[in-house]
Amino acid sequence: SIPDLSPASVDENDSLIVRLTSHLITEADRLGASDLHLEPCMGRKDMNIRFRVDGTCFTYTKVPAAYRRALVSRIKIMANLDIAERRKPQDGKIRFKLGGQRSIELRVATLPTAGGNEDAVLRLLTAKDPMPLEAMEFMPGTLQTIKMLSEKPHGIFLCVGPTGSGKTTLLNTVIAFLVASSEHGVYLEDTPEIDCKMPNFTGLLTSAT
């Protein structure tokens, strides 16, 4: 259950807000969410906390309106963003430690909204090694087609699907399939979500224009 928030005024450094933030991230990871949405409303309406699991967004819980700014500010502090700047979108990353030796990385985006509030979206990035193509449970004919197309010297490999469907995982797996120990390659992604973890491959951040 979420921490019991008392009616007293709190800010981003209050232990209640710190515990609530940690709880939401931990729960998002436990439920396999790809995204965590913090959506404040105008007036005295409660703040919506929503998770996206398998492409479907649903309301996980609600937070009293009095804590919406403190909660967003806490997220911004963790992502090394400017909490005094509420009129411009900001982007950052959080490295969050879970239980044991495990940690996850979250990509954070904030957006100014009506009433002087800010929405925040946290994308949970799973740092996993590329799996073999054979482990992705494609039908034999589909697997053979993917391998054949991947080995062509030119062309476009188009991978589409909803959020969290595995597009980046598949493309990294195809890259791992192509790159041999005697080769070196470069991939460009805006923004890089997961590290390919291949010694002969370099990831570059490119800004779309």
C-alpha atoms as a PDB file:
ATOM      1  CA  SER A   1       0.000   0.000   0.000  1.00  0.00           C
ATOM      2  CA  ILE A   2       1.102   3.595  -0.571  1.00  0.00           C
ATOM      3  CA  PRO A   3       2.540   5.543   2.372  1.00  0.00           C
ATOM      4  CA  ASP A   4      -0.072   7.202   4.588  1.00  0.00           C
ATOM      5  CA  LEU A   5       0.059  10.903   3.658  1.00  0.00           C
ATOM      6  CA  SER A   6      -1.108  13.196   6.436  1.00  0.00           C
ATOM      7  CA  PRO A   7      -2.906  16.487   5.697  1.00  0.00           C
ATOM      8  CA  ALA A   8       0.152  18.459   6.811  1.00  0.00           C
ATOM      9  CA  SER A   9       2.031  20.466   4.209  1.00  0.00           C
ATOM     10  CA  VAL A  10       4.947  18.582   2.660  1.00  0.00           C
ATOM     11  CA  ASP A  11       7.654  19.348   0.130  1.00  0.00           C
ATOM     12  CA  GLU A  12       9.884  17.288  -2.177  1.00  0.00           C
ATOM     13  CA  ASN A  13      12.299  16.441   0.665  1.00  0.00           C
ATOM     14  CA  ASP A  14       9.662  15.146   3.048  1.00  0.00           C
ATOM     15  CA  SER A  15      10.136  11.488   3.959  1.00  0.00           C
ATOM     16  CA  LEU A  16       6.533  10.751   2.960  1.00  0.00           C
ATOM     17  CA  ILE A  17       7.134  12.006  -0.579  1.00  0.00           C
ATOM     18  CA  VAL A  18      10.461  10.159  -0.785  1.00  0.00           C
ATOM     19  CA  ARG A  19       8.794   6.902   0.282  1.00  0.00           C
ATOM     20  CA  LEU A  20       5.850   7.411  -2.055  1.00  0.00           C
ATOM     21  CA  THR A  21       8.129   8.032  -5.031  1.00  0.00           C
ATOM     22  CA  SER A  22      10.190   4.918  -4.288  1.00  0.00           C
ATOM     23  CA  HIS A  23       7.022   2.882  -3.825  1.00  0.00           C
ATOM     24  CA  LEU A  24       5.570   3.949  -7.191  1.00  0.00           C
ATOM     25  CA  ILE A  25       8.762   3.120  -9.087  1.00  0.00           C
ATOM     26  CA  THR A  26       9.096  -0.238  -7.305  1.00  0.00           C
ATOM     27  CA  GLU A  27       5.474  -1.113  -8.040  1.00  0.00           C
ATOM     28  CA  ALA A  28       5.795  -0.101 -11.683  1.00  0.00           C
ATOM     29  CA  ASP A  29       8.775  -2.438 -12.009  1.00  0.00           C
ATOM     30  CA  ARG A  30       7.007  -5.266 -10.140  1.00  0.00           C
ATOM     31  CA  LEU A  31       3.974  -5.068 -12.420  1.00  0.00           C
ATOM     32  CA  GLY A  32       6.129  -4.996 -15.558  1.00  0.00           C
ATOM     33  CA  ALA A  33       5.104  -1.464 -16.542  1.00  0.00           C
ATOM     34  CA  SER A  34       6.903   0.242 -19.407  1.00  0.00           C
ATOM     35  CA  ASP A  35       5.791   3.720 -18.311  1.00  0.00           C
ATOM     36  CA  LEU A  36       4.766   5.537 -15.140  1.00  0.00           C
ATOM     37  CA  HIS A  37       2.560   8.608 -15.629  1.00  0.00           C
ATOM     38  CA  LEU A  38       2.042  11.372 -13.046  1.00  0.00           C
ATOM     39  CA  GLU A  39      -0.962  13.414 -14.140  1.00  0.00           C
ATOM     40  CA  PRO A  40      -2.025  16.333 -11.907  1.00  0.00           C
ATOM     41  CA  CYS A  41      -5.454  17.896 -12.368  1.00  0.00           C
ATOM     42  CA  MET A  42      -6.562  21.475 -11.888  1.00  0.00           C
ATOM     43  CA  GLY A  43      -8.212  22.644  -8.698  1.00  0.00           C
ATOM     44  CA  ARG A  44      -8.482  20.221  -5.819  1.00  0.00           C
ATOM     45  CA  LYS A  45      -8.853  17.064  -7.873  1.00  0.00           C
ATOM     46  CA  ASP A  46      -6.558  14.191  -6.954  1.00  0.00           C
ATOM     47  CA  MET A  47      -3.464  13.486  -9.023  1.00  0.00           C
ATOM     48  CA  ASN A  48      -3.723  10.406 -11.255  1.00  0.00           C
ATOM     49  CA  ILE A  49      -0.911   7.847 -11.115  1.00  0.00           C
ATOM     50  CA  ARG A  50      -1.090   5.569 -14.132  1.00  0.00           C
ATOM     51  CA  PHE A  51       0.963   2.592 -15.306  1.00  0.00           C
ATOM     52  CA  ARG A  52       1.317   1.294 -18.861  1.00  0.00           C
ATOM     53  CA  VAL A  53       1.519  -2.495 -18.973  1.00  0.00           C
ATOM     54  CA  ASP A  54       1.592  -4.397 -22.281  1.00  0.00           C
ATOM     55  CA  GLY A  55       0.606  -1.206 -24.100  1.00  0.00           C
ATOM     56  CA  THR A  56      -2.463  -0.537 -21.913  1.00  0.00           C
ATOM     57  CA  CYS A  57      -2.544   2.499 -19.593  1.00  0.00           C
ATOM     58  CA  PHE A  58      -4.555   2.181 -16.382  1.00  0.00           C
ATOM     59  CA  THR A  59      -4.972   4.144 -13.143  1.00  0.00           C
ATOM     60  CA  TYR A  60      -2.898   2.562 -10.379  1.00  0.00           C
ATOM     61  CA  THR A  61      -3.802   5.003  -7.599  1.00  0.00           C
ATOM     62  CA  LYS A  62      -4.582   8.649  -6.861  1.00  0.00           C
ATOM     63  CA  VAL A  63      -2.584  11.138  -4.783  1.00  0.00           C
ATOM     64  CA  PRO A  64      -4.119  14.148  -2.989  1.00  0.00           C
ATOM     65  CA  ALA A  65      -3.810  17.397  -4.944  1.00  0.00           C
ATOM     66  CA  ALA A  66      -1.805  19.004  -2.118  1.00  0.00           C
ATOM     67  CA  TYR A  67       1.145  16.682  -2.904  1.00  0.00           C
ATOM     68  CA  ARG A  68       1.248  16.902  -6.699  1.00  0.00           C
ATOM     69  CA  ARG A  69       3.976  19.535  -6.927  1.00  0.00           C
ATOM     70  CA  ALA A  70       6.103  17.882  -4.240  1.00  0.00           C
ATOM     71  CA  LEU A  71       5.890  14.520  -6.009  1.00  0.00           C
ATOM     72  CA  VAL A  72       6.862  15.937  -9.420  1.00  0.00           C
ATOM     73  CA  SER A  73       9.645  17.975  -7.818  1.00  0.00           C
ATOM     74  CA  ARG A  74      10.967  14.817  -6.142  1.00  0.00           C
ATOM     75  CA  ILE A  75      11.119  13.085  -9.514  1.00  0.00           C
ATOM     76  CA  LYS A  76      12.936  16.099 -10.989  1.00  0.00           C
ATOM     77  CA  ILE A  77      15.504  16.085  -8.188  1.00  0.00           C
ATOM     78  CA  MET A  78      16.198  12.392  -8.800  1.00  0.00           C
ATOM     79  CA  ALA A  79      16.658  13.122 -12.516  1.00  0.00           C
ATOM     80  CA  ASN A  80      18.931  16.147 -11.860  1.00  0.00           C
ATOM     81  CA  LEU A  81      16.412  18.582 -13.352  1.00  0.00           C
ATOM     82  CA  ASP A  82      15.684  22.178 -12.344  1.00  0.00           C
ATOM     83  CA  ILE A  83      12.778  22.165  -9.880  1.00  0.00           C
ATOM     84  CA  ALA A  84      12.475  25.967 -10.118  1.00  0.00           C
ATOM     85  CA  GLU A  85      11.722  25.763 -13.856  1.00  0.00           C
ATOM     86  CA  ARG A  86       8.043  24.926 -14.316  1.00  0.00           C
ATOM     87  CA  ARG A  87       7.362  26.688 -17.616  1.00  0.00           C
ATOM     88  CA  LYS A  88       9.513  24.561 -19.932  1.00  0.00           C
ATOM     89  CA  PRO A  89       9.647  20.820 -20.681  1.00  0.00           C
ATOM     90  CA  GLN A  90      12.653  18.998 -19.237  1.00  0.00           C
ATOM     91  CA  ASP A  91      14.238  15.596 -19.823  1.00  0.00           C
ATOM     92  CA  GLY A  92      16.554  13.510 -17.667  1.00  0.00           C
ATOM     93  CA  LYS A  93      17.371  10.054 -16.372  1.00  0.00           C
ATOM     94  CA  ILE A  94      17.203   8.275 -13.024  1.00  0.00           C
ATOM     95  CA  ARG A  95      19.281   5.318 -11.882  1.00  0.00           C
ATOM     96  CA  PHE A  96      17.122   3.645  -9.235  1.00  0.00           C
ATOM     97  CA  LYS A  97      18.295   0.858  -6.938  1.00  0.00           C
ATOM     98  CA  LEU A  98      15.847  -1.922  -6.177  1.00  0.00           C
ATOM     99  CA  GLY A  99      16.273  -4.698  -3.664  1.00  0.00           C
ATOM    100  CA  GLY A 100      19.497  -6.677  -3.644  1.00  0.00           C
ATOM    101  CA  GLN A 101      22.013  -5.837  -6.368  1.00  0.00           C
ATOM    102  CA  ARG A 102      19.408  -4.941  -8.981  1.00  0.00           C
ATOM    103  CA  SER A 103      18.900  -1.446 -10.369  1.00  0.00           C
ATOM    104  CA  ILE A 104      16.867   0.056 -13.188  1.00  0.00           C
ATOM    105  CA  GLU A 105      17.169   3.165 -15.320  1.00  0.00           C
ATOM    106  CA  LEU A 106      14.264   5.493 -15.949  1.00  0.00           C
ATOM    107  CA  ARG A 107      13.962   8.133 -18.647  1.00  0.00           C
ATOM    108  CA  VAL A 108      12.074  11.167 -17.323  1.00  0.00           C
ATOM    109  CA  ALA A 109      10.129  13.805 -19.259  1.00  0.00           C
ATOM    110  CA  THR A 110       8.195  16.683 -17.684  1.00  0.00           C
ATOM    111  CA  LEU A 111       5.668  18.926 -19.414  1.00  0.00           C
ATOM    112  CA  PRO A 112       4.018  22.136 -18.141  1.00  0.00           C
ATOM    113  CA  THR A 113       0.216  21.901 -18.013  1.00  0.00           C
ATOM    114  CA  ALA A 114      -2.711  24.121 -17.055  1.00  0.00           C
ATOM    115  CA  GLY A 115      -2.879  25.673 -13.606  1.00  0.00           C
ATOM    116  CA  GLY A 116       0.884  25.860 -13.154  1.00  0.00           C
ATOM    117  CA  ASN A 117       1.154  22.080 -12.859  1.00  0.00           C
ATOM    118  CA  GLU A 118       3.507  19.637 -14.558  1.00  0.00           C
ATOM    119  CA  ASP A 119       2.916  16.194 -15.997  1.00  0.00           C
ATOM    120  CA  ALA A 120       5.744  13.698 -15.652  1.00  0.00           C
ATOM    121  CA  VAL A 121       6.329  10.473 -17.570  1.00  0.00           C
ATOM    122  CA  LEU A 122       8.913   7.904 -16.491  1.00  0.00           C
ATOM    123  CA  ARG A 123       9.966   5.246 -19.005  1.00  0.00           C
ATOM    124  CA  LEU A 124      11.377   2.142 -17.327  1.00  0.00           C
ATOM    125  CA  LEU A 125      14.385   0.941 -19.299  1.00  0.00           C
ATOM    126  CA  THR A 126      15.303  -2.700 -18.873  1.00  0.00           C
ATOM    127  CA  ALA A 127      19.033  -3.306 -19.137  1.00  0.00           C
ATOM    128  CA  LYS A 128      19.070  -6.812 -20.572  1.00  0.00           C
ATOM    129  CA  ASP A 129      21.526  -8.622 -22.797  1.00  0.00           C
ATOM    130  CA  PRO A 130      20.281  -9.194 -26.362  1.00  0.00           C
ATOM    131  CA  MET A 131      18.586 -12.575 -26.624  1.00  0.00           C
ATOM    132  CA  PRO A 132      19.163 -14.913 -29.577  1.00  0.00           C
ATOM    133  CA  LEU A 133      16.677 -14.556 -32.412  1.00  0.00           C
ATOM    134  CA  GLU A 134      15.741 -18.189 -31.868  1.00  0.00           C
ATOM    135  CA  ALA A 135      14.561 -17.321 -28.320  1.00  0.00           C
ATOM    136  CA  MET A 136      12.018 -14.739 -29.495  1.00  0.00           C
ATOM    137  CA  GLU A 137       9.398 -17.381 -30.335  1.00  0.00           C
ATOM    138  CA  PHE A 138       8.905 -16.483 -34.002  1.00  0.00           C
ATOM    139  CA  MET A 139       7.300 -19.018 -36.294  1.00  0.00           C
ATOM    140  CA  PRO A 140      10.018 -20.906 -38.252  1.00  0.00           C
ATOM    141  CA  GLY A 141       9.104 -19.216 -41.532  1.00  0.00           C
ATOM    142  CA  THR A 142       9.083 -15.747 -39.939  1.00  0.00           C
ATOM    143  CA  LEU A 143      12.437 -16.381 -38.245  1.00  0.00           C
ATOM    144  CA  GLN A 144      14.021 -17.434 -41.535  1.00  0.00           C
ATOM    145  CA  THR A 145      12.638 -14.336 -43.266  1.00  0.00           C
ATOM    146  CA  ILE A 146      14.011 -12.012 -40.566  1.00  0.00           C
ATOM    147  CA  LYS A 147      17.466 -13.570 -40.852  1.00  0.00           C
ATOM    148  CA  MET A 148      17.401 -13.345 -44.646  1.00  0.00           C
ATOM    149  CA  LEU A 149      16.344  -9.676 -44.670  1.00  0.00           C
ATOM    150  CA  SER A 150      18.813  -8.754 -41.912  1.00  0.00           C
ATOM    151  CA  GLU A 151      21.758 -10.079 -43.905  1.00  0.00           C
ATOM    152  CA  LYS A 152      21.034  -8.002 -47.012  1.00  0.00           C
ATOM    153  CA  PRO A 153      23.676  -5.272 -47.597  1.00  0.00           C
ATOM    154  CA  HIS A 154      21.117  -2.470 -47.987  1.00  0.00           C
ATOM    155  CA  GLY A 155      17.476  -1.632 -47.379  1.00  0.00           C
ATOM    156  CA  ILE A 156      15.190  -0.633 -44.492  1.00  0.00           C
ATOM    157  CA  PHE A 157      14.208  -2.843 -41.565  1.00  0.00           C
ATOM    158  CA  LEU A 158      10.885  -1.444 -40.296  1.00  0.00           C
ATOM    159  CA  CYS A 159       9.832  -2.460 -36.775  1.00  0.00           C
ATOM    160  CA  VAL A 160       6.535  -1.056 -35.458  1.00  0.00           C
ATOM    161  CA  GLY A 161       4.269  -1.639 -32.488  1.00  0.00           C
ATOM    162  CA  PRO A 162       2.792  -0.040 -29.346  1.00  0.00           C
ATOM    163  CA  THR A 163       4.820   1.144 -26.363  1.00  0.00           C
ATOM    164  CA  GLY A 164       6.530  -1.737 -24.598  1.00  0.00           C
ATOM    165  CA  SER A 165       5.888  -4.251 -27.382  1.00  0.00           C
ATOM    166  CA  GLY A 166       9.579  -5.066 -27.866  1.00  0.00           C
ATOM    167  CA  LYS A 167      10.638  -2.934 -30.849  1.00  0.00           C
ATOM    168  CA  THR A 168      13.994  -1.897 -29.355  1.00  0.00           C
ATOM    169  CA  THR A 169      14.604  -5.408 -28.008  1.00  0.00           C
ATOM    170  CA  LEU A 170      14.046  -6.915 -31.449  1.00  0.00           C
ATOM    171  CA  LEU A 171      16.284  -4.409 -33.226  1.00  0.00           C
ATOM    172  CA  ASN A 172      19.081  -4.933 -30.704  1.00  0.00           C
ATOM    173  CA  THR A 173      18.701  -8.684 -31.165  1.00  0.00           C
ATOM    174  CA  VAL A 174      19.012  -8.303 -34.932  1.00  0.00           C
ATOM    175  CA  ILE A 175      22.135  -6.173 -34.426  1.00  0.00           C
ATOM    176  CA  ALA A 176      23.620  -8.855 -32.166  1.00  0.00           C
ATOM    177  CA  PHE A 177      22.845 -11.449 -34.859  1.00  0.00           C
ATOM    178  CA  LEU A 178      24.685  -9.419 -37.500  1.00  0.00           C
ATOM    179  CA  VAL A 179      27.797  -8.299 -35.644  1.00  0.00           C
ATOM    180  CA  ALA A 180      30.586 -10.878 -35.587  1.00  0.00           C
ATOM    181  CA  SER A 181      33.681 -10.703 -33.397  1.00  0.00           C
ATOM    182  CA  SER A 182      35.786  -9.339 -36.289  1.00  0.00           C
ATOM    183  CA  GLU A 183      33.402  -6.509 -37.143  1.00  0.00           C
ATOM    184  CA  HIS A 184      32.576  -3.113 -35.726  1.00  0.00           C
ATOM    185  CA  GLY A 185      29.386  -1.119 -36.151  1.00  0.00           C
ATOM    186  CA  VAL A 186      27.617   2.038 -35.045  1.00  0.00           C
ATOM    187  CA  TYR A 187      23.928   2.517 -34.354  1.00  0.00           C
ATOM    188  CA  LEU A 188      22.059   5.805 -33.917  1.00  0.00           C
ATOM    189  CA  GLU A 189      19.005   6.145 -31.723  1.00  0.00           C
ATOM    190  CA  ASP A 190      17.064   9.149 -30.410  1.00  0.00           C
ATOM    191  CA  THR A 191      17.276   8.619 -27.532  1.00  0.00           C
ATOM    192  CA  PRO A 192      19.237   5.399 -26.732  1.00  0.00           C
ATOM    193  CA  GLU A 193      17.011   3.272 -24.504  1.00  0.00           C
ATOM    194  CA  ILE A 194      19.127   0.223 -23.756  1.00  0.00           C
ATOM    195  CA  ASP A 195      22.793  -0.598 -24.082  1.00  0.00           C
ATOM    196  CA  CYS A 196      23.495  -3.246 -26.710  1.00  0.00           C
ATOM    197  CA  LYS A 197      26.281  -4.568 -24.432  1.00  0.00           C
ATOM    198  CA  MET A 198      28.338  -5.684 -27.425  1.00  0.00           C
ATOM    199  CA  PRO A 199      32.066  -4.856 -27.356  1.00  0.00           C
ATOM    200  CA  ASN A 200      32.266  -4.202 -31.099  1.00  0.00           C
ATOM    201  CA  PHE A 201      29.231  -1.949 -31.310  1.00  0.00           C
ATOM    202  CA  THR A 202      28.967   1.728 -30.386  1.00  0.00           C
ATOM    203  CA  GLY A 203      25.711   3.535 -29.627  1.00  0.00           C
ATOM    204  CA  LEU A 204      25.360   7.193 -30.579  1.00  0.00           C
ATOM    205  CA  LEU A 205      22.718   9.722 -29.566  1.00  0.00           C
ATOM    206  CA  THR A 206      21.373  11.658 -32.531  1.00  0.00           C
ATOM    207  CA  SER A 207      19.030  14.609 -32.212  1.00  0.00           C
ATOM    208  CA  ALA A 208      16.130  14.576 -34.627  1.00  0.00           C
ATOM    209  CA  THR A 209      15.661  17.808 -36.611  1.00  0.00           C
END
